[in-house]
C-alpha cells in the first residue's frame, strides 16, 4: 500500500521531516489496527497543491526523502 501524506507545503509544516515522521507513525498504527500489514506500507510526503513528489521530485526542503 502506498500512503501519501499531503500538505507538506503548508506554512506550519514547511516540508519538515519530523512532522512527516510523526504523522506516519500515527497513520501506520491506525492502519495496522484495522488489518493492514504495516511491513507492506510505503509512505510518501507530497504536496497536491504544488505537485511535489506527485508530478516531479520535491523541492530542496524535502531532500531528506
PDB file of N, CA and C in Angstrom:
ATOM      1  N   UNK A   1       0.843  -1.161   0.000  1.00  0.00           N
ATOM      2  CA  UNK A   1       0.000   0.000   0.000  1.00  0.00           C
ATOM      3  C   UNK A   1       0.894   1.232   0.000  1.00  0.00           C
ATOM      4  N   UNK A   2       0.526   2.190  -0.786  1.00  0.00           N
ATOM      5  CA  UNK A   2       1.221   3.479  -0.812  1.00  0.00           C
ATOM      6  C   UNK A   2       0.337   4.502  -0.111  1.00  0.00           C
ATOM      7  N   UNK A   3       0.905   5.158   0.887  1.00  0.00           N
ATOM      8  CA  UNK A   3       0.184   6.170   1.655  1.00  0.00           C
ATOM      9  C   UNK A   3       0.864   7.513   1.404  1.00  0.00           C
ATOM     10  N   UNK A   4       0.129   8.438   0.806  1.00  0.00           N
ATOM     11  CA  UNK A   4       0.658   9.776   0.551  1.00  0.00           C
ATOM     12  C   UNK A   4       0.252  10.691   1.697  1.00  0.00           C
ATOM     13  N   UNK A   5       1.247  11.329   2.297  1.00  0.00           N
ATOM     14  CA  UNK A   5       0.978  12.296   3.349  1.00  0.00           C
ATOM     15  C   UNK A   5       1.044  13.670   2.702  1.00  0.00           C
ATOM     16  N   UNK A   6      -0.134  14.272   2.564  1.00  0.00           N
ATOM     17  CA  UNK A   6      -0.292  15.514   1.815  1.00  0.00           C
ATOM     18  C   UNK A   6      -0.069  16.741   2.707  1.00  0.00           C
ATOM     19  N   UNK A   7      -0.053  17.882   2.080  1.00  0.00           N
ATOM     20  CA  UNK A   7       0.053  19.199   2.726  1.00  0.00           C
ATOM     21  C   UNK A   7       1.446  19.465   3.295  1.00  0.00           C
ATOM     22  N   UNK A   8       2.471  18.829   2.737  1.00  0.00           N
ATOM     23  CA  UNK A   8       3.827  19.057   3.226  1.00  0.00           C
ATOM     24  C   UNK A   8       4.279  20.500   2.965  1.00  0.00           C
ATOM     25  N   UNK A   9       3.617  21.186   2.045  1.00  0.00           N
ATOM     26  CA  UNK A   9       3.958  22.579   1.735  1.00  0.00           C
ATOM     27  C   UNK A   9       3.282  23.576   2.674  1.00  0.00           C
ATOM     28  N   UNK A  10       2.374  23.123   3.512  1.00  0.00           N
ATOM     29  CA  UNK A  10       1.605  24.007   4.385  1.00  0.00           C
ATOM     30  C   UNK A  10       2.539  24.828   5.279  1.00  0.00           C
ATOM     31  N   UNK A  11       2.162  26.068   5.562  1.00  0.00           N
ATOM     32  CA  UNK A  11       3.035  27.013   6.273  1.00  0.00           C
ATOM     33  C   UNK A  11       3.512  26.511   7.632  1.00  0.00           C
ATOM     34  N   UNK A  12       2.673  25.781   8.365  1.00  0.00           N
ATOM     35  CA  UNK A  12       3.087  25.294   9.682  1.00  0.00           C
ATOM     36  C   UNK A  12       3.957  24.046   9.594  1.00  0.00           C
ATOM     37  N   UNK A  13       3.952  23.373   8.451  1.00  0.00           N
ATOM     38  CA  UNK A  13       4.737  22.145   8.263  1.00  0.00           C
ATOM     39  C   UNK A  13       6.079  22.455   7.607  1.00  0.00           C
ATOM     40  N   UNK A  14       6.065  23.235   6.547  1.00  0.00           N
ATOM     41  CA  UNK A  14       7.273  23.678   5.841  1.00  0.00           C
ATOM     42  C   UNK A  14       8.197  22.516   5.457  1.00  0.00           C
ATOM     43  N   UNK A  15       7.612  21.432   4.941  1.00  0.00           N
ATOM     44  CA  UNK A  15       8.380  20.272   4.477  1.00  0.00           C
ATOM     45  C   UNK A  15       9.220  19.640   5.592  1.00  0.00           C
ATOM     46  N   UNK A  16       8.773  19.731   6.824  1.00  0.00           N
ATOM     47  CA  UNK A  16       9.530  19.270   7.981  1.00  0.00           C
ATOM     48  C   UNK A  16       9.509  17.750   8.109  1.00  0.00           C
ATOM     49  N   UNK A  17      10.686  17.139   8.150  1.00  0.00           N
ATOM     50  CA  UNK A  17      10.800  15.680   8.245  1.00  0.00           C
ATOM     51  C   UNK A  17      10.220  15.146   9.557  1.00  0.00           C
ATOM     52  N   UNK A  18      10.435  15.854  10.647  1.00  0.00           N
ATOM     53  CA  UNK A  18       9.925  15.401  11.939  1.00  0.00           C
ATOM     54  C   UNK A  18       8.401  15.327  11.944  1.00  0.00           C
ATOM     55  N   UNK A  19       7.767  16.296  11.312  1.00  0.00           N
ATOM     56  CA  UNK A  19       6.296  16.283  11.231  1.00  0.00           C
ATOM     57  C   UNK A  19       5.820  15.118  10.375  1.00  0.00           C
ATOM     58  N   UNK A  20       6.517  14.842   9.285  1.00  0.00           N
ATOM     59  CA  UNK A  20       6.195  13.702   8.433  1.00  0.00           C
ATOM     60  C   UNK A  20       6.285  12.402   9.227  1.00  0.00           C
ATOM     61  N   UNK A  21       7.358  12.227   9.984  1.00  0.00           N
ATOM     62  CA  UNK A  21       7.566  11.001  10.771  1.00  0.00           C
ATOM     63  C   UNK A  21       6.477  10.860  11.827  1.00  0.00           C
ATOM     64  N   UNK A  22       6.099  11.967  12.451  1.00  0.00           N
ATOM     65  CA  UNK A  22       5.045  11.960  13.465  1.00  0.00           C
ATOM     66  C   UNK A  22       3.712  11.498  12.857  1.00  0.00           C
ATOM     67  N   UNK A  23       3.341  12.061  11.730  1.00  0.00           N
ATOM     68  CA  UNK A  23       2.085  11.698  11.064  1.00  0.00           C
ATOM     69  C   UNK A  23       2.143  10.245  10.593  1.00  0.00           C
ATOM     70  N   UNK A  24       3.271   9.856  10.029  1.00  0.00           N
ATOM     71  CA  UNK A  24       3.458   8.487   9.549  1.00  0.00           C
ATOM     72  C   UNK A  24       3.240   7.477  10.675  1.00  0.00           C
ATOM     73  N   UNK A  25       3.780   7.766  11.843  1.00  0.00           N
ATOM     74  CA  UNK A  25       3.653   6.860  12.990  1.00  0.00           C
ATOM     75  C   UNK A  25       2.188   6.659  13.381  1.00  0.00           C
ATOM     76  N   UNK A  26       1.438   7.751  13.441  1.00  0.00           N
ATOM     77  CA  UNK A  26       0.020   7.682  13.821  1.00  0.00           C
ATOM     78  C   UNK A  26      -0.789   6.911  12.781  1.00  0.00           C
ATOM     79  N   UNK A  27      -0.576   7.223  11.513  1.00  0.00           N
ATOM     80  CA  UNK A  27      -1.330   6.572  10.440  1.00  0.00           C
ATOM     81  C   UNK A  27      -0.976   5.091  10.354  1.00  0.00           C
ATOM     82  N   UNK A  28       0.308   4.776  10.484  1.00  0.00           N
ATOM     83  CA  UNK A  28       0.763   3.386  10.417  1.00  0.00           C
ATOM     84  C   UNK A  28       0.110   2.553  11.528  1.00  0.00           C
ATOM     85  N   UNK A  29       0.076   3.093  12.732  1.00  0.00           N
ATOM     86  CA  UNK A  29      -0.550   2.394  13.861  1.00  0.00           C
ATOM     87  C   UNK A  29      -2.030   2.151  13.599  1.00  0.00           C
ATOM     88  N   UNK A  30      -2.718   3.168  13.100  1.00  0.00           N
ATOM     89  CA  UNK A  30      -4.142   3.031  12.805  1.00  0.00           C
ATOM     90  C   UNK A  30      -4.386   1.974  11.723  1.00  0.00           C
ATOM     91  N   UNK A  31      -3.644   2.061  10.625  1.00  0.00           N
ATOM     92  CA  UNK A  31      -3.840   1.110   9.533  1.00  0.00           C
ATOM     93  C   UNK A  31      -3.548  -0.318   9.979  1.00  0.00           C
ATOM     94  N   UNK A  32      -2.565  -0.498  10.849  1.00  0.00           N
ATOM     95  CA  UNK A  32      -2.267  -1.826  11.377  1.00  0.00           C
ATOM     96  C   UNK A  32      -3.435  -2.355  12.205  1.00  0.00           C
ATOM     97  N   UNK A  33      -4.043  -1.491  13.020  1.00  0.00           N
ATOM     98  CA  UNK A  33      -5.149  -1.939  13.874  1.00  0.00           C
ATOM     99  C   UNK A  33      -6.396  -2.313  13.073  1.00  0.00           C
ATOM    100  N   UNK A  34      -6.549  -1.769  11.875  1.00  0.00           N
ATOM    101  CA  UNK A  34      -7.710  -2.130  11.054  1.00  0.00           C
ATOM    102  C   UNK A  34      -7.387  -3.251  10.062  1.00  0.00           C
ATOM    103  N   UNK A  35      -6.181  -3.828  10.167  1.00  0.00           N
ATOM    104  CA  UNK A  35      -5.893  -5.035   9.410  1.00  0.00           C
ATOM    105  C   UNK A  35      -4.880  -4.957   8.289  1.00  0.00           C
ATOM    106  N   UNK A  36      -4.270  -3.829   8.064  1.00  0.00           N
ATOM    107  CA  UNK A  36      -3.266  -3.735   7.008  1.00  0.00           C
ATOM    108  C   UNK A  36      -1.905  -4.169   7.532  1.00  0.00           C
ATOM    109  N   UNK A  37      -1.126  -4.806   6.683  1.00  0.00           N
ATOM    110  CA  UNK A  37       0.213  -5.254   7.037  1.00  0.00           C
ATOM    111  C   UNK A  37       1.157  -4.059   6.976  1.00  0.00           C
ATOM    112  N   UNK A  38       1.665  -3.654   8.140  1.00  0.00           N
ATOM    113  CA  UNK A  38       2.495  -2.447   8.185  1.00  0.00           C
ATOM    114  C   UNK A  38       3.837  -2.631   7.487  1.00  0.00           C
ATOM    115  N   UNK A  39       4.266  -3.838   7.241  1.00  0.00           N
ATOM    116  CA  UNK A  39       5.520  -4.073   6.530  1.00  0.00           C
ATOM    117  C   UNK A  39       5.396  -3.853   5.030  1.00  0.00           C
ATOM    118  N   UNK A  40       4.174  -3.767   4.552  1.00  0.00           N
ATOM    119  CA  UNK A  40       3.949  -3.567   3.126  1.00  0.00           C
ATOM    120  C   UNK A  40       3.475  -2.157   2.806  1.00  0.00           C
ATOM    121  N   UNK A  41       3.634  -1.237   3.752  1.00  0.00           N
ATOM    122  CA  UNK A  41       3.211   0.144   3.548  1.00  0.00           C
ATOM    123  C   UNK A  41       4.403   0.995   3.135  1.00  0.00           C
ATOM    124  N   UNK A  42       4.186   1.852   2.168  1.00  0.00           N
ATOM    125  CA  UNK A  42       5.190   2.820   1.724  1.00  0.00           C
ATOM    126  C   UNK A  42       4.590   4.206   1.906  1.00  0.00           C
ATOM    127  N   UNK A  43       5.271   5.073   2.635  1.00  0.00           N
ATOM    128  CA  UNK A  43       4.787   6.422   2.912  1.00  0.00           C
ATOM    129  C   UNK A  43       5.574   7.434   2.092  1.00  0.00           C
ATOM    130  N   UNK A  44       4.848   8.352   1.470  1.00  0.00           N
ATOM    131  CA  UNK A  44       5.464   9.364   0.614  1.00  0.00           C
ATOM    132  C   UNK A  44       4.948  10.744   1.025  1.00  0.00           C
ATOM    133  N   UNK A  45       5.867  11.667   1.324  1.00  0.00           N
ATOM    134  CA  UNK A  45       5.434  13.036   1.608  1.00  0.00           C
ATOM    135  C   UNK A  45       5.137  13.759   0.294  1.00  0.00           C
ATOM    136  N   UNK A  46       3.978  14.386   0.201  1.00  0.00           N
ATOM    137  CA  UNK A  46       3.590  15.046  -1.042  1.00  0.00           C
ATOM    138  C   UNK A  46       2.948  16.401  -0.776  1.00  0.00           C
ATOM    139  N   UNK A  47       2.842  17.159  -1.836  1.00  0.00           N
ATOM    140  CA  UNK A  47       2.045  18.377  -1.835  1.00  0.00           C
ATOM    141  C   UNK A  47       1.171  18.329  -3.081  1.00  0.00           C
ATOM    142  N   UNK A  48      -0.103  18.091  -2.883  1.00  0.00           N
ATOM    143  CA  UNK A  48      -1.016  18.048  -4.009  1.00  0.00           C
ATOM    144  C   UNK A  48      -1.148  19.392  -4.703  1.00  0.00           C
ATOM    145  N   UNK A  49      -1.008  20.458  -3.942  1.00  0.00           N
ATOM    146  CA  UNK A  49      -1.154  21.803  -4.484  1.00  0.00           C
ATOM    147  C   UNK A  49      -0.028  22.141  -5.462  1.00  0.00           C
ATOM    148  N   UNK A  50       1.214  21.821  -5.065  1.00  0.00           N
ATOM    149  CA  UNK A  50       2.363  22.168  -5.899  1.00  0.00           C
ATOM    150  C   UNK A  50       2.845  21.003  -6.761  1.00  0.00           C
ATOM    151  N   UNK A  51       2.351  19.790  -6.484  1.00  0.00           N
ATOM    152  CA  UNK A  51       2.750  18.615  -7.248  1.00  0.00           C
ATOM    153  C   UNK A  51       4.041  17.969  -6.764  1.00  0.00           C
ATOM    154  N   UNK A  52       4.565  18.408  -5.630  1.00  0.00           N
ATOM    155  CA  UNK A  52       5.814  17.851  -5.106  1.00  0.00           C
ATOM    156  C   UNK A  52       5.659  16.361  -4.798  1.00  0.00           C
ATOM    157  N   UNK A  53       6.556  15.573  -5.356  1.00  0.00           N
ATOM    158  CA  UNK A  53       6.579  14.113  -5.235  1.00  0.00           C
ATOM    159  C   UNK A  53       5.361  13.438  -5.869  1.00  0.00           C
ATOM    160  N   UNK A  54       4.590  14.184  -6.614  1.00  0.00           N
ATOM    161  CA  UNK A  54       3.495  13.619  -7.400  1.00  0.00           C
ATOM    162  C   UNK A  54       3.841  13.691  -8.879  1.00  0.00           C
ATOM    163  N   UNK A  55       4.111  14.888  -9.334  1.00  0.00           N
ATOM    164  CA  UNK A  55       4.451  15.124 -10.732  1.00  0.00           C
ATOM    165  C   UNK A  55       5.959  15.044 -10.929  1.00  0.00           C
ATOM    166  N   UNK A  56       6.675  15.631  -9.995  1.00  0.00           N
ATOM    167  CA  UNK A  56       8.131  15.616 -10.047  1.00  0.00           C
ATOM    168  C   UNK A  56       8.676  15.567  -8.622  1.00  0.00           C
ATOM    169  N   UNK A  57       9.960  15.308  -8.492  1.00  0.00           N
ATOM    170  CA  UNK A  57      10.604  15.236  -7.187  1.00  0.00           C
ATOM    171  C   UNK A  57      10.393  16.534  -6.423  1.00  0.00           C
ATOM    172  N   UNK A  58      10.266  16.398  -5.110  1.00  0.00           N
ATOM    173  CA  UNK A  58      10.019  17.542  -4.251  1.00  0.00           C
ATOM    174  C   UNK A  58      11.152  18.555  -4.242  1.00  0.00           C
ATOM    175  N   UNK A  59      10.917  19.707  -3.615  1.00  0.00           N
ATOM    176  CA  UNK A  59      11.911  20.785  -3.588  1.00  0.00           C
ATOM    177  C   UNK A  59      13.070  20.445  -2.647  1.00  0.00           C
ATOM    178  N   UNK A  60      14.058  21.334  -2.633  1.00  0.00           N
ATOM    179  CA  UNK A  60      15.248  21.156  -1.785  1.00  0.00           C
ATOM    180  C   UNK A  60      14.874  20.974  -0.310  1.00  0.00           C
ATOM    181  N   UNK A  61      13.809  21.605   0.137  1.00  0.00           N
ATOM    182  CA  UNK A  61      13.377  21.488   1.533  1.00  0.00           C
ATOM    183  C   UNK A  61      13.020  20.054   1.897  1.00  0.00           C
ATOM    184  N   UNK A  62      12.792  19.215   0.881  1.00  0.00           N
ATOM    185  CA  UNK A  62      12.426  17.825   1.134  1.00  0.00           C
ATOM    186  C   UNK A  62      13.531  16.864   0.667  1.00  0.00           C
ATOM    187  N   UNK A  63      14.767  17.320   0.715  1.00  0.00           N
ATOM    188  CA  UNK A  63      15.894  16.458   0.348  1.00  0.00           C
ATOM    189  C   UNK A  63      16.008  15.235   1.244  1.00  0.00           C
ATOM    190  N   UNK A  64      15.450  15.309   2.422  1.00  0.00           N
ATOM    191  CA  UNK A  64      15.508  14.181   3.357  1.00  0.00           C
ATOM    192  C   UNK A  64      14.730  12.968   2.857  1.00  0.00           C
ATOM    193  N   UNK A  65      13.843  13.148   1.859  1.00  0.00           N
ATOM    194  CA  UNK A  65      13.110  11.993   1.335  1.00  0.00           C
ATOM    195  C   UNK A  65      13.745  11.502   0.068  1.00  0.00           C
TER     196      UNK A  65
END
